[in-house]
Amino acid sequence: MKDRDIFFDLSDRVKLRIAGNDRLRFLNGQLTADIRKAKSSSAIEASLLNAKGKMNAHVFAFASTDSFILDAEPELKETLQTRLERYVIADDVTIEEVTGQLSILHVMSETAPALPIAKWITSAHRFGRPGWDFWIETSEHAQTFKQLSGDFVFCDSDRAEVLRIEQGIPRWGRELTDKIIPVEANLERSIDYEKGCYIGQEVISRMKMSGQRNKRLCGLISRRDLRLSPGMDLTDAPTGGKNAGWITSAARSERLSKEIALGYVKRGFDSAGTTLWAGDAIAAGQPVETNIVDLPFLP
């Protein structure tokens, strides 16, 4: 299966419609990206932070005629709208959840295939490759899915997870939590350092100036092809070593014929080629020897 020949069903993502005359100013005070760069034909990637620069959410956003549409992982359904509404004070802004009304089918290809039934077609780099979001009314989901299946291979959630890990893409609930600063997760692409103030900006700006971070998201490969698992601790020696981080996601990559993982590695241990040992519950109690590699795993 080639990356450019597949499509994904992202319809379970939470979706919010942000409207009102102050919507642009309001969102620019919340998002790490510049919402002015969101177009009807192209989505931007952004994070919402707390005052300490830690993540509250990771979203994609695009502009419709009279509103902005945001989407995020389903795990944020109970918190994303509340987080935004907390800062609506005297603003002319309305926030409406439209998750049940709209579906998203994402096609990975250089150019957008013809799909007249789509309500919006926006470019979005969700899996480290050029892709297109087809936003459709939920009632049209089955028909649209069938139409895309004629030209593309459906990538189910299990295969999508492997592809995500191979591409080093962080995900909410795994790599992205309220303990993480976006720079640590390699999300500089979601940060506009030239825009105006937003919540958490001071922390992000200080990290930019210092050029340092306490930890960063890295790729790891099992040297003896033993399985890696989320939650395994990383140390710099097989026994009695210093704590060097932890694994957040893991998978078997058939394209690499290797066991691979994503994990946070502390500063001083995070250079490509460094050997770290993961956990002690695999291989009859023996830790798994791993090597740090640059992300993505596959070009």
Protein backbone atom coordinates (compact mmCIF):
# COMPACT_ATOMS: atom_id res chain seq x y z
CA MET A 1 0.00 0.00 0.00
CA LYS A 2 1.48 3.34 -1.05
CA ASP A 3 0.99 6.37 1.19
CA ARG A 4 -0.42 8.38 -1.69
CA ASP A 5 -3.08 5.78 -2.48
CA ILE A 6 -4.96 5.76 0.82
CA PHE A 7 -7.71 7.59 2.66
CA PHE A 8 -8.80 7.84 6.29
CA ASP A 9 -12.09 8.29 8.10
CA LEU A 10 -11.60 11.03 10.72
CA SER A 11 -15.30 11.58 11.36
CA ASP A 12 -15.05 10.84 15.09
CA ARG A 13 -12.93 13.94 15.70
CA VAL A 14 -14.61 16.68 17.73
CA LYS A 15 -15.57 19.68 15.58
CA LEU A 16 -16.30 23.26 16.69
CA ARG A 17 -17.62 26.22 14.72
CA ILE A 18 -16.30 29.58 15.95
CA ALA A 19 -18.39 32.53 14.70
CA GLY A 20 -18.96 36.18 15.56
CA ASN A 21 -17.33 39.48 14.61
CA ASP A 22 -14.47 39.01 17.09
CA ARG A 23 -13.68 35.43 16.10
CA LEU A 24 -10.33 36.21 14.47
CA ARG A 25 -9.01 38.36 17.31
CA PHE A 26 -10.30 35.90 19.90
CA LEU A 27 -8.71 32.83 18.31
CA ASN A 28 -5.40 34.60 17.75
CA GLY A 29 -5.31 35.18 21.50
CA GLN A 30 -5.77 31.46 22.08
CA LEU A 31 -3.85 29.59 19.37
CA THR A 32 -0.10 29.21 18.88
CA ALA A 33 -0.58 29.60 15.10
CA ASP A 34 -1.77 32.70 13.26
CA ILE A 35 -5.43 32.07 12.42
CA ARG A 36 -5.19 34.67 9.64
CA LYS A 37 -3.30 32.03 7.66
CA ALA A 38 -6.24 29.62 7.79
CA LYS A 39 -8.09 29.67 4.46
CA SER A 40 -11.14 27.94 3.08
CA SER A 41 -8.77 25.85 0.96
CA SER A 42 -6.06 25.14 3.55
CA ALA A 43 -6.07 24.24 7.23
CA ILE A 44 -3.47 25.24 9.80
CA GLU A 45 -2.18 23.22 12.74
CA ALA A 46 -2.17 24.83 16.19
CA SER A 47 -2.09 24.23 19.93
CA LEU A 48 -3.95 25.77 22.84
CA LEU A 49 -1.88 26.26 25.97
CA ASN A 50 -2.24 27.20 29.60
CA ALA A 51 -0.30 30.08 31.15
CA LYS A 52 2.66 27.77 31.83
CA GLY A 53 2.95 26.82 28.16
CA LYS A 54 1.58 23.30 28.70
CA MET A 55 -0.88 21.92 26.16
CA ASN A 56 -4.65 22.08 26.57
CA ALA A 57 -5.37 20.88 23.04
CA HIS A 58 -3.97 20.26 19.56
CA VAL A 59 -6.21 21.27 16.65
CA PHE A 60 -6.53 21.85 12.93
CA ALA A 61 -8.47 24.92 11.77
CA PHE A 62 -9.73 26.39 8.51
CA ALA A 63 -11.85 29.40 7.55
CA SER A 64 -15.35 29.17 6.13
CA THR A 65 -17.34 32.17 4.90
CA ASP A 66 -18.49 33.40 8.30
CA SER A 67 -16.63 31.25 10.83
CA PHE A 68 -13.61 29.14 11.64
CA ILE A 69 -13.93 25.37 11.94
CA LEU A 70 -11.69 23.56 14.44
CA ASP A 71 -11.25 19.81 14.78
CA ALA A 72 -9.40 17.76 17.40
CA GLU A 73 -9.03 14.22 18.73
CA PRO A 74 -12.24 12.67 20.16
CA GLU A 75 -10.64 12.60 23.64
CA LEU A 76 -10.98 16.40 23.75
CA LYS A 77 -14.75 16.39 23.23
CA GLU A 78 -15.50 17.15 26.89
CA THR A 79 -12.82 19.81 27.39
CA LEU A 80 -12.05 21.74 24.19
CA GLN A 81 -15.23 23.82 24.01
CA THR A 82 -15.10 24.56 27.75
CA ARG A 83 -11.45 25.62 27.46
CA LEU A 84 -12.30 28.13 24.72
CA GLU A 85 -15.47 29.45 26.34
CA ARG A 86 -13.56 30.22 29.54
CA TYR A 87 -11.90 33.14 27.75
CA VAL A 88 -14.97 34.53 25.98
CA ILE A 89 -15.73 37.57 28.13
CA ALA A 90 -17.01 40.61 26.24
CA ASP A 91 -16.19 39.17 22.82
CA ASP A 92 -18.71 38.81 20.00
CA VAL A 93 -17.93 35.10 19.67
CA THR A 94 -20.11 32.00 19.59
CA ILE A 95 -18.76 28.45 19.90
CA GLU A 96 -20.94 25.65 18.59
CA GLU A 97 -20.15 21.95 18.56
CA VAL A 98 -20.94 20.46 15.14
CA THR A 99 -19.38 17.01 15.59
CA GLY A 100 -22.57 15.14 14.76
CA GLN A 101 -23.37 17.26 11.71
CA LEU A 102 -20.12 16.90 9.79
CA SER A 103 -17.81 14.06 8.73
CA ILE A 104 -14.16 14.23 7.64
CA LEU A 105 -12.56 11.92 5.09
CA HIS A 106 -8.85 12.55 4.56
CA VAL A 107 -7.15 11.59 1.30
CA MET A 108 -3.36 11.42 1.07
CA SER A 109 -2.42 12.71 -2.38
CA GLU A 110 -0.55 15.54 -4.07
CA THR A 111 -3.71 16.93 -5.67
CA ALA A 112 -7.31 16.84 -4.50
CA PRO A 113 -9.47 14.25 -6.27
CA ALA A 114 -12.78 15.44 -7.66
CA LEU A 115 -15.58 15.07 -5.12
CA PRO A 116 -18.48 17.42 -5.94
CA ILE A 117 -20.50 16.34 -2.91
CA ALA A 118 -18.00 17.82 -0.44
CA LYS A 119 -19.05 20.87 1.57
CA TRP A 120 -15.41 21.98 1.95
CA ILE A 121 -12.12 20.63 0.58
CA THR A 122 -9.06 21.81 2.49
CA SER A 123 -5.40 20.87 2.24
CA ALA A 124 -4.03 19.51 5.54
CA HIS A 125 -0.74 17.81 6.44
CA ARG A 126 -2.04 15.36 9.03
CA PHE A 127 0.28 12.39 8.48
CA GLY A 128 3.47 14.09 7.35
CA ARG A 129 2.39 13.99 3.71
CA PRO A 130 0.31 16.29 1.50
CA GLY A 131 -3.34 15.47 2.01
CA TRP A 132 -6.89 16.74 1.64
CA ASP A 133 -9.77 16.92 4.08
CA PHE A 134 -13.18 16.35 2.57
CA TRP A 135 -15.79 17.86 4.88
CA ILE A 136 -19.24 16.47 4.18
CA GLU A 137 -22.64 16.39 5.78
CA THR A 138 -22.93 13.30 7.98
CA SER A 139 -25.89 12.13 5.91
CA GLU A 140 -23.56 11.91 2.87
CA HIS A 141 -20.86 9.90 4.65
CA ALA A 142 -21.70 6.44 3.27
CA GLN A 143 -22.01 7.64 -0.33
CA THR A 144 -18.74 9.61 -0.14
CA PHE A 145 -16.88 6.72 1.49
CA LYS A 146 -18.01 4.42 -1.32
CA GLN A 147 -16.96 6.91 -3.98
CA LEU A 148 -13.45 7.31 -2.53
CA SER A 149 -13.10 3.53 -2.19
CA GLY A 150 -13.18 3.29 -5.98
CA ASP A 151 -9.86 5.13 -6.33
CA PHE A 152 -8.16 4.80 -2.94
CA VAL A 153 -7.54 2.10 -0.33
CA PHE A 154 -9.15 2.69 3.05
CA CYS A 155 -6.62 2.94 5.89
CA ASP A 156 -8.27 1.68 9.08
CA SER A 157 -7.40 2.92 12.58
CA ASP A 158 -4.77 0.23 13.22
CA ARG A 159 -2.88 0.95 10.01
CA ALA A 160 -3.26 4.69 10.55
CA GLU A 161 -1.66 4.32 13.97
CA VAL A 162 1.37 2.55 12.50
CA LEU A 163 1.69 5.20 9.79
CA ARG A 164 1.42 7.95 12.41
CA ILE A 165 4.25 6.44 14.46
CA GLU A 166 6.42 5.87 11.37
CA GLN A 167 6.02 9.54 10.51
CA GLY A 168 6.72 10.72 14.08
CA ILE A 169 3.36 12.50 14.37
CA PRO A 170 2.37 13.14 18.02
CA ARG A 171 -1.17 12.31 19.11
CA TRP A 172 -3.35 13.59 21.92
CA GLY A 173 -3.46 11.15 24.81
CA ARG A 174 -0.13 9.59 23.84
CA GLU A 175 2.60 12.12 23.07
CA LEU A 176 0.40 15.15 23.73
CA THR A 177 -0.93 15.75 27.24
CA ASP A 178 -1.35 18.64 29.67
CA LYS A 179 2.21 17.95 30.89
CA ILE A 180 3.84 18.67 27.53
CA ILE A 181 5.03 21.90 25.93
CA PRO A 182 4.51 21.79 22.13
CA VAL A 183 8.19 22.45 21.35
CA GLU A 184 9.05 19.24 23.23
CA ALA A 185 6.74 17.34 20.87
CA ASN A 186 8.44 18.75 17.73
CA LEU A 187 5.41 20.95 17.05
CA GLU A 188 7.34 24.05 16.05
CA ARG A 189 5.40 23.89 12.79
CA SER A 190 2.26 24.79 14.75
CA ILE A 191 3.82 27.90 16.32
CA ASP A 192 3.95 31.35 14.72
CA TYR A 193 6.71 33.30 16.46
CA GLU A 194 5.82 36.56 14.70
CA LYS A 195 2.15 36.85 15.68
CA GLY A 196 0.70 38.75 18.63
CA CYS A 197 0.23 37.57 22.19
CA TYR A 198 -1.55 34.36 23.12
CA ILE A 199 -1.89 32.38 26.32
CA GLY A 200 1.39 30.62 27.12
CA GLN A 201 3.44 32.69 24.66
CA GLU A 202 6.03 33.82 27.22
CA VAL A 203 7.13 30.26 27.93
CA ILE A 204 7.34 29.43 24.22
CA SER A 205 9.33 32.59 23.49
CA ARG A 206 11.82 31.85 26.28
CA MET A 207 12.40 28.37 24.91
CA LYS A 208 12.91 29.82 21.44
CA MET A 209 15.51 32.27 22.76
CA SER A 210 17.38 29.70 24.86
CA GLY A 211 17.25 26.98 22.21
CA GLN A 212 16.92 24.39 24.96
CA ARG A 213 14.24 21.97 26.08
CA ASN A 214 14.31 19.51 28.95
CA LYS A 215 13.13 16.65 26.77
CA ARG A 216 12.10 16.01 23.20
CA LEU A 217 10.10 13.49 21.23
CA CYS A 218 12.39 10.93 19.60
CA GLY A 219 12.16 7.75 17.56
CA LEU A 220 13.45 4.46 18.97
CA ILE A 221 14.18 1.15 17.25
CA SER A 222 14.45 -2.15 19.09
CA ARG A 223 17.91 -3.53 18.31
CA ARG A 224 16.99 -7.20 18.77
CA ASP A 225 13.50 -6.84 17.32
CA LEU A 226 11.84 -7.30 20.73
CA ARG A 227 8.49 -5.65 21.30
CA LEU A 228 8.30 -2.16 22.78
CA SER A 229 5.29 -0.88 24.73
CA PRO A 230 3.88 2.51 25.77
CA GLY A 231 4.80 3.38 29.33
CA MET A 232 8.16 1.61 29.35
CA ASP A 233 10.85 3.64 31.11
CA LEU A 234 14.09 4.44 29.31
CA THR A 235 17.47 4.22 31.05
CA ASP A 236 21.06 4.69 29.94
CA ALA A 237 22.17 1.25 31.18
CA PRO A 238 20.53 -2.20 31.33
CA THR A 239 20.70 -2.20 35.16
CA GLY A 240 21.07 0.67 37.59
CA GLY A 241 21.07 3.27 34.84
CA LYS A 242 19.88 6.86 34.97
CA ASN A 243 16.30 7.56 33.95
CA ALA A 244 16.38 8.96 30.41
CA GLY A 245 12.69 9.16 29.50
CA TRP A 246 9.73 6.99 28.58
CA ILE A 247 7.93 5.43 25.60
CA THR A 248 4.60 6.91 24.51
CA SER A 249 3.62 4.85 21.43
CA ALA A 250 4.93 1.65 19.84
CA ALA A 251 4.21 -0.51 16.79
CA ARG A 252 5.54 -3.13 14.45
CA SER A 253 6.59 -1.46 11.20
CA GLU A 254 6.30 -3.97 8.38
CA ARG A 255 7.89 -1.53 5.96
CA LEU A 256 10.99 -1.37 8.18
CA SER A 257 10.65 -4.94 9.47
CA LYS A 258 11.36 -3.54 12.93
CA GLU A 259 9.75 -2.82 16.28
CA ILE A 260 9.64 0.97 16.64
CA ALA A 261 8.44 3.49 19.19
CA LEU A 262 8.02 7.16 19.96
CA GLY A 263 9.14 8.46 23.32
CA TYR A 264 10.29 11.46 25.28
CA VAL A 265 14.03 11.48 25.92
CA LYS A 266 15.68 13.85 28.37
CA ARG A 267 18.29 16.36 27.31
CA GLY A 268 21.74 14.81 27.25
CA PHE A 269 20.45 11.41 26.13
CA ASP A 270 18.57 12.45 22.98
CA SER A 271 21.19 12.33 20.23
CA ALA A 272 20.59 10.04 17.26
CA GLY A 273 22.54 6.81 17.67
CA THR A 274 22.37 6.82 21.48
CA THR A 275 21.62 3.43 23.04
CA LEU A 276 18.91 3.30 25.72
CA TRP A 277 17.25 0.39 27.50
CA ALA A 278 13.46 0.19 27.69
CA GLY A 279 11.63 -1.28 30.67
CA ASP A 280 12.31 -4.65 32.28
CA ALA A 281 9.09 -6.61 31.69
CA ILE A 282 9.84 -7.89 28.18
CA ALA A 283 12.08 -10.79 27.12
CA ALA A 284 12.01 -12.75 30.40
CA GLY A 285 12.66 -9.72 32.54
CA GLN A 286 15.53 -8.39 30.43
CA PRO A 287 15.40 -4.75 29.28
CA VAL A 288 15.04 -4.08 25.57
CA GLU A 289 18.03 -2.44 23.93
CA THR A 290 17.04 0.46 21.65
CA ASN A 291 18.71 3.05 19.47
CA ILE A 292 17.50 6.63 19.06
CA VAL A 293 16.86 7.63 15.44
CA ASP A 294 15.83 10.86 13.77
CA LEU A 295 12.15 11.33 12.94
CA PRO A 296 10.40 10.46 10.77
CA PHE A 297 11.42 6.81 10.59
CA LEU A 298 10.56 6.80 6.88
CA PRO A 299 11.28 9.69 4.48
